[in-house]
Amino acid sequence: MILPPKYYIMRHIINLNY
């Protein structure tokens, strides 16, 4: 399963911010 990098990066950034 391959997910879009944008979504993955966004989620990662949000996780780090939170």
N, C-alpha and C. Protein backbone atom coordinates (compact mmCIF):
# COMPACT_ATOMS: atom_id res chain seq x y z
N MET A 1 0.85 -1.21 0.00
CA MET A 1 0.00 0.00 0.00
C MET A 1 0.88 1.26 0.00
N ILE A 2 0.67 2.11 -0.98
CA ILE A 2 1.49 3.34 -1.07
C ILE A 2 0.58 4.55 -0.84
N LEU A 3 0.94 5.37 0.13
CA LEU A 3 0.14 6.58 0.42
C LEU A 3 0.87 7.82 -0.10
N PRO A 4 0.12 8.89 -0.37
CA PRO A 4 0.73 10.12 -0.88
C PRO A 4 1.72 10.70 0.13
N PRO A 5 2.87 11.17 -0.32
CA PRO A 5 3.88 11.72 0.58
C PRO A 5 3.40 12.98 1.28
N LYS A 6 2.60 13.76 0.56
CA LYS A 6 2.09 15.01 1.17
C LYS A 6 1.33 14.70 2.45
N TYR A 7 0.41 13.75 2.37
CA TYR A 7 -0.39 13.41 3.54
C TYR A 7 0.51 12.91 4.68
N TYR A 8 1.45 12.05 4.32
CA TYR A 8 2.36 11.48 5.32
C TYR A 8 3.18 12.59 5.99
N ILE A 9 3.71 13.47 5.16
CA ILE A 9 4.54 14.56 5.71
C ILE A 9 3.68 15.46 6.60
N MET A 10 2.49 15.78 6.11
CA MET A 10 1.59 16.66 6.88
C MET A 10 1.30 16.05 8.24
N ARG A 11 0.96 14.77 8.22
CA ARG A 11 0.65 14.10 9.48
C ARG A 11 1.88 14.11 10.40
N HIS A 12 3.04 13.87 9.84
CA HIS A 12 4.26 13.84 10.63
C HIS A 12 4.52 15.21 11.26
N ILE A 13 4.33 16.26 10.46
CA ILE A 13 4.57 17.61 10.96
C ILE A 13 3.58 17.92 12.08
N ILE A 14 2.30 17.56 11.86
CA ILE A 14 1.28 17.83 12.89
C ILE A 14 1.64 17.08 14.17
N ASN A 15 2.05 15.83 14.02
CA ASN A 15 2.41 15.03 15.19
C ASN A 15 3.55 15.68 15.94
N LEU A 16 4.54 16.17 15.23
CA LEU A 16 5.68 16.81 15.88
C LEU A 16 5.26 18.09 16.58
N ASN A 17 4.41 18.86 15.90
CA ASN A 17 3.94 20.11 16.48
C ASN A 17 3.14 19.84 17.74
N TYR A 18 2.29 18.82 17.66
CA TYR A 18 1.44 18.52 18.80
C TYR A 18 2.32 17.93 19.89
